[in-house]
Protein backbone atom coordinates (compact mmCIF):
# COMPACT_ATOMS: atom_id res chain seq x y z
CA MET A 1 11.58 132.48 6.66
CA GLY A 2 13.29 134.98 9.01
CA LEU A 3 12.11 135.67 12.54
CA ASN A 4 11.01 139.19 11.58
CA LYS A 5 8.31 137.72 9.34
CA LEU A 6 6.96 135.66 12.25
CA LYS A 7 6.43 138.60 14.59
CA THR A 8 2.94 139.83 15.29
CA PRO A 9 2.25 143.03 13.33
CA GLY A 10 1.86 146.03 15.62
CA ALA A 11 3.30 144.21 18.64
CA SER A 12 5.13 146.26 21.25
CA THR A 13 8.84 145.76 21.86
CA GLU A 14 8.08 143.80 25.02
CA GLU A 15 5.65 141.53 23.17
CA MET A 16 8.25 140.94 20.44
CA GLN A 17 10.85 139.98 23.07
CA VAL A 18 8.41 137.43 24.48
CA GLU A 19 7.78 136.07 20.98
CA ASP A 20 11.55 135.86 20.39
CA ALA A 21 11.99 133.88 23.61
CA VAL A 22 9.23 131.46 22.64
CA GLN A 23 10.67 130.94 19.15
CA ARG A 24 14.23 130.19 20.30
CA ASN A 25 15.57 126.74 19.74
CA PRO A 26 16.05 124.88 23.07
CA ALA A 27 19.53 123.76 21.95
CA GLU A 28 20.48 127.40 21.34
CA GLU A 29 19.20 128.32 24.80
CA GLU A 30 21.33 125.59 26.38
CA LEU A 31 24.41 126.73 24.46
CA ARG A 32 23.81 130.35 25.47
CA GLY A 33 23.41 129.30 29.09
CA LYS A 34 26.62 127.30 29.04
CA SER A 35 28.48 130.25 27.51
CA TYR A 36 27.23 132.46 30.37
CA GLU A 37 29.12 130.23 32.81
CA HIS A 38 32.54 130.63 31.15
CA GLY A 39 34.81 133.54 30.29
CA LEU A 40 33.82 135.38 33.45
CA PRO A 41 36.06 137.76 35.37
CA GLU A 42 38.44 135.76 37.57
CA TYR A 43 36.80 136.72 40.87
CA LEU A 44 33.34 135.74 39.60
CA GLN A 45 34.58 132.48 38.07
CA GLN A 46 36.26 131.52 41.35
CA ASP A 47 33.11 132.22 43.35
CA LEU A 48 30.93 130.36 40.84
CA ASP A 49 33.25 127.34 40.90
CA ALA A 50 33.37 127.38 44.71
CA PHE A 51 29.56 127.56 44.86
CA LYS A 52 29.17 124.63 42.45
CA GLU A 53 31.73 122.62 44.42
CA GLY A 54 29.91 123.43 47.66
CA LEU A 55 26.63 122.19 46.20
CA LYS A 56 28.28 119.04 44.92
CA ASN A 57 29.91 118.24 48.28
CA GLY A 58 27.12 119.39 50.59
CA SER A 59 29.24 122.13 52.16
CA SER A 60 28.14 123.55 55.49
CA LEU A 61 29.28 126.95 54.21
CA MET A 62 26.65 127.33 51.48
CA ASP A 63 25.29 130.52 53.00
CA CYS A 64 28.76 132.09 52.78
CA LEU A 65 29.35 130.78 49.26
CA TRP A 66 25.90 132.09 48.24
CA GLY A 67 26.75 135.56 49.56
CA GLU A 68 30.13 135.59 47.83
CA LEU A 69 28.59 134.61 44.50
CA TYR A 70 25.78 137.14 44.87
CA GLY A 71 28.26 139.91 45.58
CA SER A 72 30.55 138.93 42.70
CA ILE A 73 27.67 138.91 40.22
CA ASN A 74 26.64 142.37 41.37
CA VAL A 75 30.19 143.76 41.19
CA ALA A 76 30.71 142.30 37.70
CA GLU A 77 27.44 143.81 36.49
CA ILE A 78 27.05 147.08 38.37
CA ASN A 79 30.51 148.23 39.43
CA ASP A 80 32.73 146.82 36.69
CA GLY A 81 30.23 146.60 33.81
CA ILE A 82 31.88 143.36 32.65
CA ILE A 83 28.65 141.38 32.31
CA THR A 84 25.29 142.54 31.02
CA PRO A 85 22.14 142.72 33.16
CA GLU A 86 20.81 139.73 31.16
CA HIS A 87 23.96 137.75 31.93
CA ALA A 88 23.74 138.66 35.63
CA ASP A 89 20.05 137.70 35.73
CA TYR A 90 20.83 134.34 34.14
CA LEU A 91 23.47 133.59 36.78
CA ARG A 92 21.20 134.72 39.64
CA GLN A 93 18.25 132.69 38.39
CA LYS A 94 20.24 129.53 37.78
CA PHE A 95 22.44 129.49 40.84
CA LEU A 96 21.02 131.76 43.53
CA TRP A 97 17.27 131.57 43.11
CA GLY A 98 17.27 127.84 42.38
CA GLY A 99 16.08 128.02 38.78
CA GLY A 100 18.66 125.51 37.59
CA LYS A 101 19.10 123.02 40.42
CA ASN A 102 18.65 120.08 38.10
CA SER A 103 21.12 121.37 35.52
CA LEU A 104 24.17 121.79 37.76
């Protein structure tokens, strides 16, 4: 049965998006998340790698690395239009707001 048949009749677009998120397979979510961390513009990939390395090594420059990553995400999304708002939000949530500390 397709996902369209599982949606609540008469649900708003926002409600359907919530239903879609609930119905996603956790393995698909993990794969999507991993894909969001690769194939980035070079400047963003460098800042992401530096941030991850800083976390791993307990760098005393984490505040600087945080700011660099934050800026690169914003430039890639807003200025360059290379990543989508959803992609940018994923990166911010996982790395900057601490939503993925255990998955680094």
